[in-house]
PDB file of all heavy atoms in Angstrom:
ATOM      1  N   ILE A   1     101.425 102.785 104.430  1.00  0.00           N
ATOM      2  CA  ILE A   1     100.528 101.756 104.898  1.00  0.00           C
ATOM      3  C   ILE A   1     100.250 101.949 106.414  1.00  0.00           C
ATOM      4  O   ILE A   1     101.180 102.008 107.242  1.00  0.00           O
ATOM      5  CB  ILE A   1     101.164 100.447 104.657  1.00  0.00           C
ATOM      6  CG1 ILE A   1     101.284 100.134 103.181  1.00  0.00           C
ATOM      7  CG2 ILE A   1     100.388  99.255 105.277  1.00  0.00           C
ATOM      8  CD1 ILE A   1     102.148  98.915 102.749  1.00  0.00           C
ATOM      9  N   GLY A   2      98.969 102.079 106.696  1.00  0.00           N
ATOM     10  CA  GLY A   2      98.559 102.239 108.101  1.00  0.00           C
ATOM     11  C   GLY A   2      97.125 102.769 108.177  1.00  0.00           C
ATOM     12  O   GLY A   2      96.395 102.900 107.184  1.00  0.00           O
ATOM     13  N   LEU A   3      96.693 103.080 109.410  1.00  0.00           N
ATOM     14  CA  LEU A   3      95.347 103.580 109.665  1.00  0.00           C
ATOM     15  C   LEU A   3      95.236 105.007 109.183  1.00  0.00           C
ATOM     16  O   LEU A   3      96.228 105.670 108.974  1.00  0.00           O
ATOM     17  CB  LEU A   3      95.028 103.445 111.140  1.00  0.00           C
ATOM     18  CG  LEU A   3      94.964 102.034 111.770  1.00  0.00           C
ATOM     19  CD1 LEU A   3      94.449 102.128 113.173  1.00  0.00           C
ATOM     20  CD2 LEU A   3      94.149 101.103 110.891  1.00  0.00           C
ATOM     21  N   PHE A   4      94.003 105.404 109.033  1.00  0.00           N
ATOM     22  CA  PHE A   4      93.601 106.830 108.647  1.00  0.00           C
ATOM     23  C   PHE A   4      94.292 107.250 107.349  1.00  0.00           C
ATOM     24  O   PHE A   4      94.698 108.427 107.200  1.00  0.00           O
ATOM     25  CB  PHE A   4      94.042 107.794 109.796  1.00  0.00           C
ATOM     26  CG  PHE A   4      93.440 107.475 111.128  1.00  0.00           C
ATOM     27  CD1 PHE A   4      94.249 107.120 112.203  1.00  0.00           C
ATOM     28  CD2 PHE A   4      92.071 107.438 111.249  1.00  0.00           C
ATOM     29  CE1 PHE A   4      93.656 106.794 113.414  1.00  0.00           C
ATOM     30  CE2 PHE A   4      91.503 107.192 112.531  1.00  0.00           C
ATOM     31  CZ  PHE A   4      92.266 106.814 113.586  1.00  0.00           C
ATOM     32  N   ASN A   5      94.496 106.341 106.409  1.00  0.00           N
ATOM     33  CA  ASN A   5      95.205 106.733 105.208  1.00  0.00           C
ATOM     34  C   ASN A   5      94.695 106.098 103.928  1.00  0.00           C
ATOM     35  O   ASN A   5      95.307 105.975 102.965  1.00  0.00           O
ATOM     36  CB  ASN A   5      96.702 106.417 105.357  1.00  0.00           C
ATOM     37  CG  ASN A   5      97.622 107.294 104.422  1.00  0.00           C
ATOM     38  OD1 ASN A   5      97.141 108.510 104.189  1.00  0.00           O
ATOM     39  ND2 ASN A   5      98.700 106.876 104.036  1.00  0.00           N
ATOM     40  N   THR A   6      93.484 105.531 103.938  1.00  0.00           N
ATOM     41  CA  THR A   6      92.786 104.877 102.793  1.00  0.00           C
ATOM     42  C   THR A   6      91.727 105.712 102.172  1.00  0.00           C
ATOM     43  O   THR A   6      90.908 106.265 102.902  1.00  0.00           O
ATOM     44  CB  THR A   6      92.267 103.492 103.170  1.00  0.00           C
ATOM     45  OG1 THR A   6      93.330 102.650 103.650  1.00  0.00           O
ATOM     46  CG2 THR A   6      91.632 102.818 101.944  1.00  0.00           C
ATOM     47  N   ASP A   7      91.775 105.878 100.886  1.00  0.00           N
ATOM     48  CA  ASP A   7      90.733 106.713 100.243  1.00  0.00           C
ATOM     49  C   ASP A   7      89.306 106.168 100.578  1.00  0.00           C
ATOM     50  O   ASP A   7      89.110 104.985 100.617  1.00  0.00           O
ATOM     51  CB  ASP A   7      90.914 106.722  98.739  1.00  0.00           C
ATOM     52  CG  ASP A   7      90.021 107.711  98.046  1.00  0.00           C
ATOM     53  OD1 ASP A   7      88.827 107.392  97.805  1.00  0.00           O
ATOM     54  OD2 ASP A   7      90.500 108.788  97.725  1.00  0.00           O
ATOM     55  N   PRO A   8      88.343 107.101 100.921  1.00  0.00           N
ATOM     56  CA  PRO A   8      87.014 106.619 101.288  1.00  0.00           C
ATOM     57  C   PRO A   8      86.348 105.729 100.232  1.00  0.00           C
ATOM     58  O   PRO A   8      85.450 104.900 100.616  1.00  0.00           O
ATOM     59  CB  PRO A   8      86.266 107.921 101.451  1.00  0.00           C
ATOM     60  CG  PRO A   8      87.302 108.937 101.748  1.00  0.00           C
ATOM     61  CD  PRO A   8      88.561 108.550 101.036  1.00  0.00           C
ATOM     62  N   VAL A   9      86.764 105.851  98.976  1.00  0.00           N
ATOM     63  CA  VAL A   9      86.197 105.043  97.914  1.00  0.00           C
ATOM     64  C   VAL A   9      86.395 103.522  98.194  1.00  0.00           C
ATOM     65  O   VAL A   9      85.594 102.709  97.856  1.00  0.00           O
ATOM     66  CB  VAL A   9      86.818 105.405  96.558  1.00  0.00           C
ATOM     67  CG1 VAL A   9      86.405 104.291  95.476  1.00  0.00           C
ATOM     68  CG2 VAL A   9      86.413 106.809  96.129  1.00  0.00           C
ATOM     69  N   LEU A  10      87.403 103.194  98.969  1.00  0.00           N
ATOM     70  CA  LEU A  10      87.740 101.814  99.266  1.00  0.00           C
ATOM     71  C   LEU A  10      87.301 101.329 100.604  1.00  0.00           C
ATOM     72  O   LEU A  10      87.679 100.257 100.987  1.00  0.00           O
ATOM     73  CB  LEU A  10      89.252 101.617  99.119  1.00  0.00           C
ATOM     74  CG  LEU A  10      89.899 101.892  97.783  1.00  0.00           C
ATOM     75  CD1 LEU A  10      91.375 101.857  97.832  1.00  0.00           C
ATOM     76  CD2 LEU A  10      89.363 100.905  96.725  1.00  0.00           C
ATOM     77  N   ARG A  11      86.435 102.176 101.320  1.00  0.00           N
ATOM     78  CA  ARG A  11      86.051 101.824 102.634  1.00  0.00           C
ATOM     79  C   ARG A  11      85.357 100.457 102.711  1.00  0.00           C
ATOM     80  O   ARG A  11      85.543  99.701 103.695  1.00  0.00           O
ATOM     81  CB  ARG A  11      85.094 102.931 103.222  1.00  0.00           C
ATOM     82  CG  ARG A  11      84.580 102.655 104.584  1.00  0.00           C
ATOM     83  CD  ARG A  11      83.690 103.793 105.117  1.00  0.00           C
ATOM     84  NE  ARG A  11      83.226 103.534 106.405  1.00  0.00           N
ATOM     85  CZ  ARG A  11      82.149 102.772 106.702  1.00  0.00           C
ATOM     86  NH1 ARG A  11      81.527 102.194 105.708  1.00  0.00           N
ATOM     87  NH2 ARG A  11      81.803 102.564 107.985  1.00  0.00           N
ATOM     88  N   GLU A  12      84.479 100.182 101.768  1.00  0.00           N
ATOM     89  CA  GLU A  12      83.754  98.876 101.794  1.00  0.00           C
ATOM     90  C   GLU A  12      84.681  97.679 101.706  1.00  0.00           C
ATOM     91  O   GLU A  12      84.309  96.607 102.219  1.00  0.00           O
ATOM     92  CB  GLU A  12      82.702  98.860 100.626  1.00  0.00           C
ATOM     93  CG  GLU A  12      81.571  99.855 100.873  1.00  0.00           C
ATOM     94  CD  GLU A  12      80.916  99.740 102.192  1.00  0.00           C
ATOM     95  OE1 GLU A  12      80.537  98.602 102.624  1.00  0.00           O
ATOM     96  OE2 GLU A  12      80.771 100.761 102.900  1.00  0.00           O
ATOM     97  N   VAL A  13      85.870  97.834 101.205  1.00  0.00           N
ATOM     98  CA  VAL A  13      86.789  96.711 101.195  1.00  0.00           C
ATOM     99  C   VAL A  13      87.265  96.436 102.557  1.00  0.00           C
ATOM    100  O   VAL A  13      87.427  95.215 102.963  1.00  0.00           O
ATOM    101  CB  VAL A  13      87.999  97.026 100.259  1.00  0.00           C
ATOM    102  CG1 VAL A  13      88.955  95.789 100.197  1.00  0.00           C
ATOM    103  CG2 VAL A  13      87.486  97.340  98.821  1.00  0.00           C
ATOM    104  N   ASP A  14      87.534  97.420 103.339  1.00  0.00           N
ATOM    105  CA  ASP A  14      87.913  97.269 104.728  1.00  0.00           C
ATOM    106  C   ASP A  14      86.767  96.708 105.562  1.00  0.00           C
ATOM    107  O   ASP A  14      87.032  95.819 106.391  1.00  0.00           O
ATOM    108  CB  ASP A  14      88.347  98.595 105.360  1.00  0.00           C
ATOM    109  CG  ASP A  14      89.678  99.079 104.757  1.00  0.00           C
ATOM    110  OD1 ASP A  14      90.589  98.230 104.586  1.00  0.00           O
ATOM    111  OD2 ASP A  14      89.801 100.297 104.544  1.00  0.00           O
ATOM    112  N   VAL A  15      85.536  97.118 105.320  1.00  0.00           N
ATOM    113  CA  VAL A  15      84.399  96.551 106.006  1.00  0.00           C
ATOM    114  C   VAL A  15      84.326  95.010 105.719  1.00  0.00           C
ATOM    115  O   VAL A  15      84.129  94.240 106.657  1.00  0.00           O
ATOM    116  CB  VAL A  15      83.043  97.292 105.573  1.00  0.00           C
ATOM    117  CG1 VAL A  15      81.870  96.471 106.227  1.00  0.00           C
ATOM    118  CG2 VAL A  15      83.090  98.676 106.000  1.00  0.00           C
ATOM    119  N   ALA A  16      84.433  94.676 104.457  1.00  0.00           N
ATOM    120  CA  ALA A  16      84.352  93.276 104.063  1.00  0.00           C
ATOM    121  C   ALA A  16      85.502  92.480 104.665  1.00  0.00           C
ATOM    122  O   ALA A  16      85.317  91.315 105.058  1.00  0.00           O
ATOM    123  CB  ALA A  16      84.402  93.195 102.524  1.00  0.00           C
ATOM    124  N   SER A  17      86.695  93.060 104.726  1.00  0.00           N
ATOM    125  CA  SER A  17      87.942  92.314 105.273  1.00  0.00           C
ATOM    126  C   SER A  17      87.687  92.071 106.721  1.00  0.00           C
ATOM    127  O   SER A  17      87.947  90.932 107.228  1.00  0.00           O
ATOM    128  CB  SER A  17      89.132  93.181 105.121  1.00  0.00           C
ATOM    129  OG  SER A  17      89.347  93.480 103.751  1.00  0.00           O
ATOM    130  N   ILE A  18      87.132  93.007 107.505  1.00  0.00           N
ATOM    131  CA  ILE A  18      86.928  92.740 108.903  1.00  0.00           C
ATOM    132  C   ILE A  18      85.758  91.784 109.135  1.00  0.00           C
ATOM    133  O   ILE A  18      85.889  90.865 109.947  1.00  0.00           O
ATOM    134  CB  ILE A  18      86.685  94.133 109.632  1.00  0.00           C
ATOM    135  CG1 ILE A  18      87.850  95.010 109.545  1.00  0.00           C
ATOM    136  CG2 ILE A  18      86.271  93.881 111.122  1.00  0.00           C
ATOM    137  CD1 ILE A  18      87.608  96.492 109.825  1.00  0.00           C
ATOM    138  N   THR A  19      84.760  91.859 108.331  1.00  0.00           N
ATOM    139  CA  THR A  19      83.613  90.999 108.435  1.00  0.00           C
ATOM    140  C   THR A  19      84.087  89.595 108.148  1.00  0.00           C
ATOM    141  O   THR A  19      83.725  88.605 108.899  1.00  0.00           O
ATOM    142  CB  THR A  19      82.488  91.382 107.450  1.00  0.00           C
ATOM    143  OG1 THR A  19      82.059  92.660 107.750  1.00  0.00           O
ATOM    144  CG2 THR A  19      81.359  90.420 107.509  1.00  0.00           C
ATOM    145  N   ASP A  20      84.839  89.380 107.096  1.00  0.00           N
ATOM    146  CA  ASP A  20      85.341  88.028 106.750  1.00  0.00           C
ATOM    147  C   ASP A  20      86.184  87.434 107.837  1.00  0.00           C
ATOM    148  O   ASP A  20      86.087  86.257 108.180  1.00  0.00           O
ATOM    149  CB  ASP A  20      86.155  88.051 105.370  1.00  0.00           C
ATOM    150  CG  ASP A  20      85.258  88.217 104.214  1.00  0.00           C
ATOM    151  OD1 ASP A  20      84.043  88.155 104.355  1.00  0.00           O
ATOM    152  OD2 ASP A  20      85.794  88.467 103.080  1.00  0.00           O
ATOM    153  N   SER A  21      87.147  88.230 108.396  1.00  0.00           N
ATOM    154  CA  SER A  21      87.999  87.714 109.478  1.00  0.00           C
ATOM    155  C   SER A  21      87.261  87.277 110.644  1.00  0.00           C
ATOM    156  O   SER A  21      87.550  86.339 111.268  1.00  0.00           O
ATOM    157  CB  SER A  21      89.007  88.875 109.850  1.00  0.00           C
ATOM    158  OG  SER A  21      88.425  89.874 110.559  1.00  0.00           O
ATOM    159  N   ARG A  22      86.114  87.995 110.932  1.00  0.00           N
ATOM    160  CA  ARG A  22      85.289  87.514 112.129  1.00  0.00           C
ATOM    161  C   ARG A  22      84.448  86.296 111.725  1.00  0.00           C
ATOM    162  O   ARG A  22      84.273  85.432 112.579  1.00  0.00           O
ATOM    163  CB  ARG A  22      84.394  88.658 112.503  1.00  0.00           C
ATOM    164  CG  ARG A  22      85.251  89.827 113.098  1.00  0.00           C
ATOM    165  CD  ARG A  22      84.293  90.972 113.597  1.00  0.00           C
ATOM    166  NE  ARG A  22      85.096  92.048 114.107  1.00  0.00           N
ATOM    167  CZ  ARG A  22      84.526  93.134 114.588  1.00  0.00           C
ATOM    168  NH1 ARG A  22      83.246  93.307 114.738  1.00  0.00           N
ATOM    169  NH2 ARG A  22      85.343  94.141 115.055  1.00  0.00           N
ATOM    170  N   THR A  23      83.912  86.256 110.518  1.00  0.00           N
ATOM    171  CA  THR A  23      83.231  85.063 110.077  1.00  0.00           C
ATOM    172  C   THR A  23      84.095  83.813 110.206  1.00  0.00           C
ATOM    173  O   THR A  23      83.618  82.705 110.512  1.00  0.00           O
ATOM    174  CB  THR A  23      82.695  85.224 108.577  1.00  0.00           C
ATOM    175  OG1 THR A  23      81.872  86.423 108.603  1.00  0.00           O
ATOM    176  CG2 THR A  23      81.948  84.008 108.148  1.00  0.00           C
ATOM    177  N   LEU A  24      85.393  83.948 109.845  1.00  0.00           N
ATOM    178  CA  LEU A  24      86.318  82.765 109.959  1.00  0.00           C
ATOM    179  C   LEU A  24      86.940  82.569 111.345  1.00  0.00           C
ATOM    180  O   LEU A  24      87.630  81.652 111.484  1.00  0.00           O
ATOM    181  CB  LEU A  24      87.487  83.076 108.976  1.00  0.00           C
ATOM    182  CG  LEU A  24      87.041  83.148 107.418  1.00  0.00           C
ATOM    183  CD1 LEU A  24      88.207  83.610 106.580  1.00  0.00           C
ATOM    184  CD2 LEU A  24      86.580  81.755 106.964  1.00  0.00           C
ATOM    185  N   GLY A  25      86.509  83.458 112.250  1.00  0.00           N
ATOM    186  CA  GLY A  25      86.956  83.218 113.642  1.00  0.00           C
ATOM    187  C   GLY A  25      88.450  83.396 113.809  1.00  0.00           C
ATOM    188  O   GLY A  25      89.114  82.707 114.614  1.00  0.00           O
ATOM    189  N   LEU A  26      89.112  84.349 113.056  1.00  0.00           N
ATOM    190  CA  LEU A  26      90.522  84.573 113.167  1.00  0.00           C
ATOM    191  C   LEU A  26      90.879  84.989 114.575  1.00  0.00           C
ATOM    192  O   LEU A  26      90.191  85.861 115.176  1.00  0.00           O
ATOM    193  CB  LEU A  26      90.974  85.634 112.183  1.00  0.00           C
ATOM    194  CG  LEU A  26      90.981  85.229 110.697  1.00  0.00           C
ATOM    195  CD1 LEU A  26      91.765  86.280 109.845  1.00  0.00           C
ATOM    196  CD2 LEU A  26      91.612  83.828 110.418  1.00  0.00           C
ATOM    197  N   ALA A  27      91.910  84.452 115.177  1.00  0.00           N
ATOM    198  CA  ALA A  27      92.352  84.865 116.479  1.00  0.00           C
ATOM    199  C   ALA A  27      92.712  86.298 116.464  1.00  0.00           C
ATOM    200  O   ALA A  27      93.020  86.959 115.450  1.00  0.00           O
ATOM    201  CB  ALA A  27      93.583  83.982 116.890  1.00  0.00           C
ATOM    202  N   PRO A  28      92.715  86.962 117.658  1.00  0.00           N
ATOM    203  CA  PRO A  28      92.987  88.428 117.717  1.00  0.00           C
ATOM    204  C   PRO A  28      94.444  88.684 117.480  1.00  0.00           C
ATOM    205  O   PRO A  28      95.367  87.785 117.460  1.00  0.00           O
ATOM    206  CB  PRO A  28      92.495  88.771 119.111  1.00  0.00           C
ATOM    207  CG  PRO A  28      92.522  87.441 119.914  1.00  0.00           C
ATOM    208  CD  PRO A  28      92.232  86.419 118.922  1.00  0.00           C
ATOM    209  N   TYR A  29      94.714  89.950 117.343  1.00  0.00           N
ATOM    210  CA  TYR A  29      96.091  90.508 117.033  1.00  0.00           C
ATOM    211  C   TYR A  29      97.100  89.926 117.960  1.00  0.00           C
ATOM    212  O   TYR A  29      98.225  89.508 117.517  1.00  0.00           O
ATOM    213  CB  TYR A  29      95.980  92.052 117.054  1.00  0.00           C
ATOM    214  CG  TYR A  29      97.234  92.769 117.257  1.00  0.00           C
ATOM    215  CD1 TYR A  29      98.107  92.911 116.170  1.00  0.00           C
ATOM    216  CD2 TYR A  29      97.591  93.383 118.400  1.00  0.00           C
ATOM    217  CE1 TYR A  29      99.256  93.650 116.272  1.00  0.00           C
ATOM    218  CE2 TYR A  29      98.714  94.105 118.609  1.00  0.00           C
ATOM    219  CZ  TYR A  29      99.605  94.248 117.525  1.00  0.00           C
ATOM    220  OH  TYR A  29     100.787  94.977 117.644  1.00  0.00           O
ATOM    221  N   ASN A  30      96.919  89.969 119.245  1.00  0.00           N
ATOM    222  CA  ASN A  30      97.935  89.530 120.232  1.00  0.00           C
ATOM    223  C   ASN A  30      98.216  88.035 120.067  1.00  0.00           C
ATOM    224  O   ASN A  30      99.404  87.671 120.247  1.00  0.00           O
ATOM    225  CB  ASN A  30      97.463  89.789 121.653  1.00  0.00           C
ATOM    226  CG  ASN A  30      98.354  90.840 122.380  1.00  0.00           C
ATOM    227  OD1 ASN A  30      99.476  91.122 121.959  1.00  0.00           O
ATOM    228  ND2 ASN A  30      97.832  91.340 123.504  1.00  0.00           N
ATOM    229  N   SER A  31      97.274  87.272 119.701  1.00  0.00           N
ATOM    230  CA  SER A  31      97.582  85.838 119.539  1.00  0.00           C
ATOM    231  C   SER A  31      98.475  85.578 118.366  1.00  0.00           C
ATOM    232  O   SER A  31      99.394  84.724 118.393  1.00  0.00           O
ATOM    233  CB  SER A  31      96.271  85.074 119.311  1.00  0.00           C
ATOM    234  OG  SER A  31      95.437  85.216 120.479  1.00  0.00           O
ATOM    235  N   TYR A  32      98.305  86.417 117.256  1.00  0.00           N
ATOM    236  CA  TYR A  32      99.205  86.291 116.119  1.00  0.00           C
ATOM    237  C   TYR A  32     100.582  86.839 116.416  1.00  0.00           C
ATOM    238  O   TYR A  32     101.593  86.360 115.888  1.00  0.00           O
ATOM    239  CB  TYR A  32      98.626  87.016 114.867  1.00  0.00           C
ATOM    240  CG  TYR A  32      97.582  86.067 114.145  1.00  0.00           C
ATOM    241  CD1 TYR A  32      96.229  86.183 114.516  1.00  0.00           C
ATOM    242  CD2 TYR A  32      97.964  85.136 113.259  1.00  0.00           C
ATOM    243  CE1 TYR A  32      95.288  85.366 113.906  1.00  0.00           C
ATOM    244  CE2 TYR A  32      97.072  84.303 112.637  1.00  0.00           C
ATOM    245  CZ  TYR A  32      95.707  84.407 112.964  1.00  0.00           C
ATOM    246  OH  TYR A  32      94.831  83.604 112.327  1.00  0.00           O
ATOM    247  N   ARG A  33     100.667  87.821 117.275  1.00  0.00           N
ATOM    248  CA  ARG A  33     102.015  88.319 117.705  1.00  0.00           C
ATOM    249  C   ARG A  33     102.753  87.173 118.336  1.00  0.00           C
ATOM    250  O   ARG A  33     103.925  86.888 118.075  1.00  0.00           O
ATOM    251  CB  ARG A  33     101.851  89.477 118.684  1.00  0.00           C
ATOM    252  CG  ARG A  33     101.538  90.799 117.955  1.00  0.00           C
ATOM    253  CD  ARG A  33     101.554  91.967 118.978  1.00  0.00           C
ATOM    254  NE  ARG A  33     102.870  92.094 119.582  1.00  0.00           N
ATOM    255  CZ  ARG A  33     103.882  92.775 119.131  1.00  0.00           C
ATOM    256  NH1 ARG A  33     103.757  93.469 118.023  1.00  0.00           N
ATOM    257  NH2 ARG A  33     105.050  92.885 119.817  1.00  0.00           N
ATOM    258  N   GLU A  34     102.065  86.497 119.270  1.00  0.00           N
ATOM    259  CA  GLU A  34     102.687  85.379 119.973  1.00  0.00           C
ATOM    260  C   GLU A  34     103.082  84.246 118.994  1.00  0.00           C
ATOM    261  O   GLU A  34     104.177  83.651 119.083  1.00  0.00           O
ATOM    262  CB  GLU A  34     101.798  84.877 121.044  1.00  0.00           C
ATOM    263  CG  GLU A  34     102.383  83.894 122.050  1.00  0.00           C
ATOM    264  CD  GLU A  34     101.401  83.588 123.210  1.00  0.00           C
ATOM    265  OE1 GLU A  34     100.202  83.611 122.966  1.00  0.00           O
ATOM    266  OE2 GLU A  34     101.910  83.573 124.377  1.00  0.00           O
ATOM    267  N   HIS A  35     102.189  83.955 118.062  1.00  0.00           N
ATOM    268  CA  HIS A  35     102.451  82.927 117.071  1.00  0.00           C
ATOM    269  C   HIS A  35     103.670  83.226 116.218  1.00  0.00           C
ATOM    270  O   HIS A  35     104.435  82.340 115.823  1.00  0.00           O
ATOM    271  CB  HIS A  35     101.239  82.768 116.163  1.00  0.00           C
ATOM    272  CG  HIS A  35     101.201  81.622 115.253  1.00  0.00           C
ATOM    273  ND1 HIS A  35     101.117  80.340 115.692  1.00  0.00           N
ATOM    274  CD2 HIS A  35     101.311  81.520 113.902  1.00  0.00           C
ATOM    275  CE1 HIS A  35     101.177  79.474 114.680  1.00  0.00           C
ATOM    276  NE2 HIS A  35     101.294  80.208 113.584  1.00  0.00           N
ATOM    277  N   CYS A  36     103.928  84.518 115.926  1.00  0.00           N
ATOM    278  CA  CYS A  36     105.069  84.985 115.103  1.00  0.00           C
ATOM    279  C   CYS A  36     106.272  85.325 116.038  1.00  0.00           C
ATOM    280  O   CYS A  36     107.204  86.054 115.527  1.00  0.00           O
ATOM    281  CB  CYS A  36     104.618  86.166 114.281  1.00  0.00           C
ATOM    282  SG  CYS A  36     103.385  85.713 113.006  1.00  0.00           S
ATOM    283  N   ARG A  37     106.271  84.982 117.262  1.00  0.00           N
ATOM    284  CA  ARG A  37     107.448  85.086 118.152  1.00  0.00           C
ATOM    285  C   ARG A  37     107.681  86.597 118.544  1.00  0.00           C
ATOM    286  O   ARG A  37     108.846  87.044 118.655  1.00  0.00           O
ATOM    287  CB  ARG A  37     108.713  84.469 117.560  1.00  0.00           C
ATOM    288  CG  ARG A  37     108.519  82.990 117.316  1.00  0.00           C
ATOM    289  CD  ARG A  37     109.790  82.359 116.804  1.00  0.00           C
ATOM    290  NE  ARG A  37     109.565  80.954 116.424  1.00  0.00           N
ATOM    291  CZ  ARG A  37     110.477  80.192 115.898  1.00  0.00           C
ATOM    292  NH1 ARG A  37     111.690  80.638 115.623  1.00  0.00           N
ATOM    293  NH2 ARG A  37     110.241  78.920 115.604  1.00  0.00           N
ATOM    294  N   PHE A  38     106.611  87.320 118.642  1.00  0.00           N
ATOM    295  CA  PHE A  38     106.690  88.657 119.246  1.00  0.00           C
ATOM    296  C   PHE A  38     106.061  88.616 120.617  1.00  0.00           C
ATOM    297  O   PHE A  38     105.168  87.765 120.839  1.00  0.00           O
ATOM    298  CB  PHE A  38     105.895  89.746 118.389  1.00  0.00           C
ATOM    299  CG  PHE A  38     106.565  90.154 117.166  1.00  0.00           C
ATOM    300  CD1 PHE A  38     106.030  89.773 115.884  1.00  0.00           C
ATOM    301  CD2 PHE A  38     107.732  90.948 117.223  1.00  0.00           C
ATOM    302  CE1 PHE A  38     106.681  90.247 114.761  1.00  0.00           C
ATOM    303  CE2 PHE A  38     108.333  91.433 116.042  1.00  0.00           C
ATOM    304  CZ  PHE A  38     107.794  91.031 114.817  1.00  0.00           C
ATOM    305  N   PRO A  39     106.520  89.520 121.579  1.00  0.00           N
ATOM    306  CA  PRO A  39     105.820  89.522 122.862  1.00  0.00           C
ATOM    307  C   PRO A  39     104.373  90.060 122.668  1.00  0.00           C
ATOM    308  O   PRO A  39     104.063  90.837 121.793  1.00  0.00           O
ATOM    309  CB  PRO A  39     106.630  90.516 123.699  1.00  0.00           C
ATOM    310  CG  PRO A  39     107.912  90.818 122.902  1.00  0.00           C
ATOM    311  CD  PRO A  39     107.603  90.442 121.496  1.00  0.00           C
ATOM    312  N   ARG A  40     103.470  89.519 123.493  1.00  0.00           N
ATOM    313  CA  ARG A  40     102.122  90.070 123.547  1.00  0.00           C
ATOM    314  C   ARG A  40     102.186  91.583 124.106  1.00  0.00           C
ATOM    315  O   ARG A  40     102.976  91.843 124.925  1.00  0.00           O
ATOM    316  CB  ARG A  40     101.192  89.298 124.454  1.00  0.00           C
ATOM    317  CG  ARG A  40     101.001  87.877 123.982  1.00  0.00           C
ATOM    318  CD  ARG A  40     100.125  87.075 124.997  1.00  0.00           C
ATOM    319  NE  ARG A  40      98.736  87.537 124.962  1.00  0.00           N
ATOM    320  CZ  ARG A  40      97.813  86.979 124.156  1.00  0.00           C
ATOM    321  NH1 ARG A  40      98.120  85.980 123.331  1.00  0.00           N
ATOM    322  NH2 ARG A  40      96.555  87.531 124.221  1.00  0.00           N
ATOM    323  N   VAL A  41     101.375  92.467 123.449  1.00  0.00           N
ATOM    324  CA  VAL A  41     101.407  93.872 123.992  1.00  0.00           C
ATOM    325  C   VAL A  41     100.454  93.930 125.107  1.00  0.00           C
ATOM    326  O   VAL A  41      99.422  93.163 125.240  1.00  0.00           O
ATOM    327  CB  VAL A  41     101.050  94.854 122.889  1.00  0.00           C
ATOM    328  CG1 VAL A  41     102.127  94.877 121.820  1.00  0.00           C
ATOM    329  CG2 VAL A  41      99.696  94.550 122.293  1.00  0.00           C
TER     330      VAL A  41
END
């Protein structure tokens, strides 16, 4: 599980996932780290 390791056939699923997360205004990665009690990078 990680970047650069998904079959190209499934690329559109990643496009849709990123699009949906932005449509919903999800906070950025660092904000969720802080919310889950990790230090901000």
